[in-house]
Amino acid sequence: ECTGLERLLLNENRIEKVEGLGSCVNLKQLHLCTNAIRELGNGLQGLVRLEMFWIAENMLTNLKGIEMLSNIVELNAARNQLTSLEGSFERNTKLTTLNVSDNRICSFRDVLYLSRMPGLKDVAFSDPDWGENPICLLCNYQ
């Protein structure tokens, strides 16, 4: 068990599946960047105190499972294969910072969806460290 663990960094470990974290109930920060994760599934279940989650540079096509993180404040999902954000953050009312740079997001529907989140303060579709989304190339994007 890892009940006392508050920060876990598992970057660059060729992890393919998020699992075995359910007993880490006091985890506040989780970093799973630069792995081979294709889906979150139920792997985040039980992480009720998680506030910061970095899942950048993986192979995610959606963020199903992120809704389990009711206390998430910061999410970095840059450099994945996300095509849409709609429906991803229904229960993440505390989310203030979101980085989804260098994905495959190409519709303003996602911007409209995010505008309904009153606590969201910082959103990045483009970032000098990660790159940009196709939406950034549209003529009316600023």
C-alpha atoms as a PDB file:
ATOM      1  CA  GLU A   1       0.000   0.000   0.000  1.00  0.00           C
ATOM      2  CA  CYS A   2       1.017   3.581  -0.608  1.00  0.00           C
ATOM      3  CA  THR A   3      -1.435   5.501   1.562  1.00  0.00           C
ATOM      4  CA  GLY A   4       1.156   8.110   2.627  1.00  0.00           C
ATOM      5  CA  LEU A   5       2.351   8.865  -0.905  1.00  0.00           C
ATOM      6  CA  GLU A   6       1.517  12.396  -2.114  1.00  0.00           C
ATOM      7  CA  ARG A   7       3.646  12.736  -5.275  1.00  0.00           C
ATOM      8  CA  LEU A   8       4.429  10.056  -7.852  1.00  0.00           C
ATOM      9  CA  LEU A   9       6.617  10.561 -10.935  1.00  0.00           C
ATOM     10  CA  LEU A  10       6.527   7.714 -13.450  1.00  0.00           C
ATOM     11  CA  ASN A  11       7.719   9.516 -16.577  1.00  0.00           C
ATOM     12  CA  GLU A  12       9.560   7.640 -19.345  1.00  0.00           C
ATOM     13  CA  ASN A  13       8.813   4.116 -18.139  1.00  0.00           C
ATOM     14  CA  ARG A  14       7.059   2.605 -21.187  1.00  0.00           C
ATOM     15  CA  ILE A  15       3.874   2.247 -19.127  1.00  0.00           C
ATOM     16  CA  GLU A  16       0.982   1.053 -21.293  1.00  0.00           C
ATOM     17  CA  LYS A  17      -1.850   0.945 -18.766  1.00  0.00           C
ATOM     18  CA  VAL A  18      -2.844   3.048 -15.759  1.00  0.00           C
ATOM     19  CA  GLU A  19      -3.455   0.570 -12.957  1.00  0.00           C
ATOM     20  CA  GLY A  20      -2.577  -0.288  -9.367  1.00  0.00           C
ATOM     21  CA  LEU A  21      -2.960   3.224  -7.993  1.00  0.00           C
ATOM     22  CA  GLY A  22      -6.234   2.766  -6.100  1.00  0.00           C
ATOM     23  CA  SER A  23      -4.565   2.488  -2.688  1.00  0.00           C
ATOM     24  CA  CYS A  24      -2.702   5.791  -3.181  1.00  0.00           C
ATOM     25  CA  VAL A  25      -5.627   7.697  -1.672  1.00  0.00           C
ATOM     26  CA  ASN A  26      -3.518  10.690  -0.555  1.00  0.00           C
ATOM     27  CA  LEU A  27      -1.817  11.200  -3.908  1.00  0.00           C
ATOM     28  CA  LYS A  28      -1.887  14.890  -4.902  1.00  0.00           C
ATOM     29  CA  GLN A  29       0.455  14.870  -7.922  1.00  0.00           C
ATOM     30  CA  LEU A  30       0.788  12.198 -10.589  1.00  0.00           C
ATOM     31  CA  HIS A  31       3.150  12.420 -13.562  1.00  0.00           C
ATOM     32  CA  LEU A  32       2.841   9.767 -16.289  1.00  0.00           C
ATOM     33  CA  CYS A  33       4.451  11.666 -19.172  1.00  0.00           C
ATOM     34  CA  THR A  34       6.287  10.072 -22.080  1.00  0.00           C
ATOM     35  CA  ASN A  35       4.874   6.581 -21.782  1.00  0.00           C
ATOM     36  CA  ALA A  36       2.722   4.439 -24.092  1.00  0.00           C
ATOM     37  CA  ILE A  37      -0.705   4.933 -22.471  1.00  0.00           C
ATOM     38  CA  ARG A  38      -3.628   4.675 -24.906  1.00  0.00           C
ATOM     39  CA  GLU A  39      -6.518   5.049 -22.435  1.00  0.00           C
ATOM     40  CA  LEU A  40      -7.096   5.969 -18.809  1.00  0.00           C
ATOM     41  CA  GLY A  41      -9.890   3.463 -18.215  1.00  0.00           C
ATOM     42  CA  ASN A  42     -10.600   3.013 -14.504  1.00  0.00           C
ATOM     43  CA  GLY A  43      -6.959   3.478 -13.548  1.00  0.00           C
ATOM     44  CA  LEU A  44      -7.601   6.769 -11.753  1.00  0.00           C
ATOM     45  CA  GLN A  45     -10.352   5.405  -9.555  1.00  0.00           C
ATOM     46  CA  GLY A  46      -9.742   6.102  -5.869  1.00  0.00           C
ATOM     47  CA  LEU A  47      -7.425   9.070  -6.451  1.00  0.00           C
ATOM     48  CA  VAL A  48      -9.859  11.439  -4.743  1.00  0.00           C
ATOM     49  CA  ARG A  49      -7.203  13.942  -3.586  1.00  0.00           C
ATOM     50  CA  LEU A  50      -5.328  14.223  -6.883  1.00  0.00           C
ATOM     51  CA  GLU A  51      -4.863  17.901  -7.806  1.00  0.00           C
ATOM     52  CA  MET A  52      -2.156  17.807 -10.497  1.00  0.00           C
ATOM     53  CA  PHE A  53      -2.065  15.240 -13.300  1.00  0.00           C
ATOM     54  CA  TRP A  54       0.462  15.276 -16.137  1.00  0.00           C
ATOM     55  CA  ILE A  55      -0.248  12.691 -18.837  1.00  0.00           C
ATOM     56  CA  ALA A  56       1.549  14.464 -21.690  1.00  0.00           C
ATOM     57  CA  GLU A  57       3.319  12.665 -24.521  1.00  0.00           C
ATOM     58  CA  ASN A  58       1.311   9.459 -24.565  1.00  0.00           C
ATOM     59  CA  MET A  59      -1.143   8.019 -27.102  1.00  0.00           C
ATOM     60  CA  LEU A  60      -4.507   9.050 -25.627  1.00  0.00           C
ATOM     61  CA  THR A  61      -7.319   9.601 -28.128  1.00  0.00           C
ATOM     62  CA  ASN A  62      -9.776  10.743 -25.433  1.00  0.00           C
ATOM     63  CA  LEU A  63      -9.837  11.648 -21.752  1.00  0.00           C
ATOM     64  CA  LYS A  64     -12.483   9.182 -20.590  1.00  0.00           C
ATOM     65  CA  GLY A  65     -11.752   8.444 -16.954  1.00  0.00           C
ATOM     66  CA  ILE A  66     -10.605  11.955 -16.082  1.00  0.00           C
ATOM     67  CA  GLU A  67     -14.070  12.666 -14.647  1.00  0.00           C
ATOM     68  CA  MET A  68     -13.126  10.537 -11.614  1.00  0.00           C
ATOM     69  CA  LEU A  69     -10.731  13.279 -10.526  1.00  0.00           C
ATOM     70  CA  SER A  70     -13.154  15.653  -8.809  1.00  0.00           C
ATOM     71  CA  ASN A  71     -10.344  17.662  -7.146  1.00  0.00           C
ATOM     72  CA  ILE A  72      -8.121  18.073 -10.197  1.00  0.00           C
ATOM     73  CA  VAL A  73      -6.816  21.642 -10.539  1.00  0.00           C
ATOM     74  CA  GLU A  74      -4.117  21.230 -13.206  1.00  0.00           C
ATOM     75  CA  LEU A  75      -4.099  18.843 -16.168  1.00  0.00           C
ATOM     76  CA  ASN A  76      -1.396  18.590 -18.804  1.00  0.00           C
ATOM     77  CA  ALA A  77      -2.444  16.288 -21.644  1.00  0.00           C
ATOM     78  CA  ALA A  78      -0.204  17.824 -24.309  1.00  0.00           C
ATOM     79  CA  ARG A  79       1.220  15.784 -27.182  1.00  0.00           C
ATOM     80  CA  ASN A  80      -1.330  12.998 -27.298  1.00  0.00           C
ATOM     81  CA  GLN A  81      -3.811  12.151 -30.066  1.00  0.00           C
ATOM     82  CA  LEU A  82      -6.894  13.908 -28.676  1.00  0.00           C
ATOM     83  CA  THR A  83      -9.426  14.970 -31.313  1.00  0.00           C
ATOM     84  CA  SER A  84     -12.106  16.401 -29.001  1.00  0.00           C
ATOM     85  CA  LEU A  85     -12.574  17.562 -25.418  1.00  0.00           C
ATOM     86  CA  GLU A  86     -16.383  17.601 -25.339  1.00  0.00           C
ATOM     87  CA  GLY A  87     -17.826  15.705 -22.388  1.00  0.00           C
ATOM     88  CA  SER A  88     -14.430  15.177 -20.783  1.00  0.00           C
ATOM     89  CA  PHE A  89     -14.683  17.516 -17.804  1.00  0.00           C
ATOM     90  CA  GLU A  90     -18.284  17.318 -16.589  1.00  0.00           C
ATOM     91  CA  ARG A  91     -17.271  16.613 -12.965  1.00  0.00           C
ATOM     92  CA  ASN A  92     -13.953  18.477 -12.901  1.00  0.00           C
ATOM     93  CA  THR A  93     -15.342  21.732 -11.530  1.00  0.00           C
ATOM     94  CA  LYS A  94     -12.077  22.685  -9.772  1.00  0.00           C
ATOM     95  CA  LEU A  95      -9.973  22.546 -12.948  1.00  0.00           C
ATOM     96  CA  THR A  96      -8.167  25.877 -13.449  1.00  0.00           C
ATOM     97  CA  THR A  97      -5.237  25.001 -15.752  1.00  0.00           C
ATOM     98  CA  LEU A  98      -5.420  22.844 -18.886  1.00  0.00           C
ATOM     99  CA  ASN A  99      -2.714  22.191 -21.470  1.00  0.00           C
ATOM    100  CA  VAL A 100      -3.839  20.227 -24.523  1.00  0.00           C
ATOM    101  CA  SER A 101      -1.162  21.512 -26.919  1.00  0.00           C
ATOM    102  CA  ASP A 102       0.061  19.354 -29.811  1.00  0.00           C
ATOM    103  CA  ASN A 103      -3.014  17.180 -30.169  1.00  0.00           C
ATOM    104  CA  ARG A 104      -5.488  16.844 -33.043  1.00  0.00           C
ATOM    105  CA  ILE A 105      -8.113  19.326 -31.861  1.00  0.00           C
ATOM    106  CA  CYS A 106      -9.523  21.190 -34.853  1.00  0.00           C
ATOM    107  CA  SER A 107     -12.981  22.462 -33.861  1.00  0.00           C
ATOM    108  CA  PHE A 108     -14.178  25.568 -32.077  1.00  0.00           C
ATOM    109  CA  ARG A 109     -16.809  23.338 -30.402  1.00  0.00           C
ATOM    110  CA  ASP A 110     -14.087  22.405 -27.942  1.00  0.00           C
ATOM    111  CA  VAL A 111     -13.411  26.058 -27.138  1.00  0.00           C
ATOM    112  CA  LEU A 112     -17.135  26.638 -26.605  1.00  0.00           C
ATOM    113  CA  TYR A 113     -17.333  23.553 -24.385  1.00  0.00           C
ATOM    114  CA  LEU A 114     -14.446  24.794 -22.234  1.00  0.00           C
ATOM    115  CA  SER A 115     -15.988  28.271 -21.965  1.00  0.00           C
ATOM    116  CA  ARG A 116     -18.757  26.730 -19.842  1.00  0.00           C
ATOM    117  CA  MET A 117     -16.241  25.877 -17.123  1.00  0.00           C
ATOM    118  CA  PRO A 118     -16.275  28.895 -14.785  1.00  0.00           C
ATOM    119  CA  GLY A 119     -13.122  27.980 -12.854  1.00  0.00           C
ATOM    120  CA  LEU A 120     -10.918  27.400 -15.898  1.00  0.00           C
ATOM    121  CA  LYS A 121      -8.366  30.234 -16.058  1.00  0.00           C
ATOM    122  CA  ASP A 122      -5.505  28.988 -18.278  1.00  0.00           C
ATOM    123  CA  VAL A 123      -5.998  26.901 -21.422  1.00  0.00           C
ATOM    124  CA  ALA A 124      -3.254  26.099 -23.918  1.00  0.00           C
ATOM    125  CA  PHE A 125      -3.993  24.779 -27.401  1.00  0.00           C
ATOM    126  CA  SER A 126      -0.520  25.879 -28.456  1.00  0.00           C
ATOM    127  CA  ASP A 127       2.653  25.894 -26.418  1.00  0.00           C
ATOM    128  CA  PRO A 128       6.292  26.554 -27.412  1.00  0.00           C
ATOM    129  CA  ASP A 129       7.431  23.412 -25.581  1.00  0.00           C
ATOM    130  CA  TRP A 130       4.860  21.067 -27.113  1.00  0.00           C
ATOM    131  CA  GLY A 131       3.487  22.509 -30.359  1.00  0.00           C
ATOM    132  CA  GLU A 132       0.018  23.375 -31.572  1.00  0.00           C
ATOM    133  CA  ASN A 133      -3.305  21.872 -32.583  1.00  0.00           C
ATOM    134  CA  PRO A 134      -4.874  22.193 -36.047  1.00  0.00           C
ATOM    135  CA  ILE A 135      -7.377  24.661 -34.519  1.00  0.00           C
ATOM    136  CA  CYS A 136      -4.494  27.127 -34.119  1.00  0.00           C
ATOM    137  CA  LEU A 137      -4.082  27.283 -37.897  1.00  0.00           C
ATOM    138  CA  LEU A 138      -7.663  28.448 -38.549  1.00  0.00           C
ATOM    139  CA  CYS A 139      -7.924  32.045 -39.767  1.00  0.00           C
ATOM    140  CA  ASN A 140     -10.165  33.186 -36.887  1.00  0.00           C
ATOM    141  CA  TYR A 141      -8.089  31.655 -34.067  1.00  0.00           C
ATOM    142  CA  GLN A 142      -6.257  34.130 -31.839  1.00  0.00           C
END
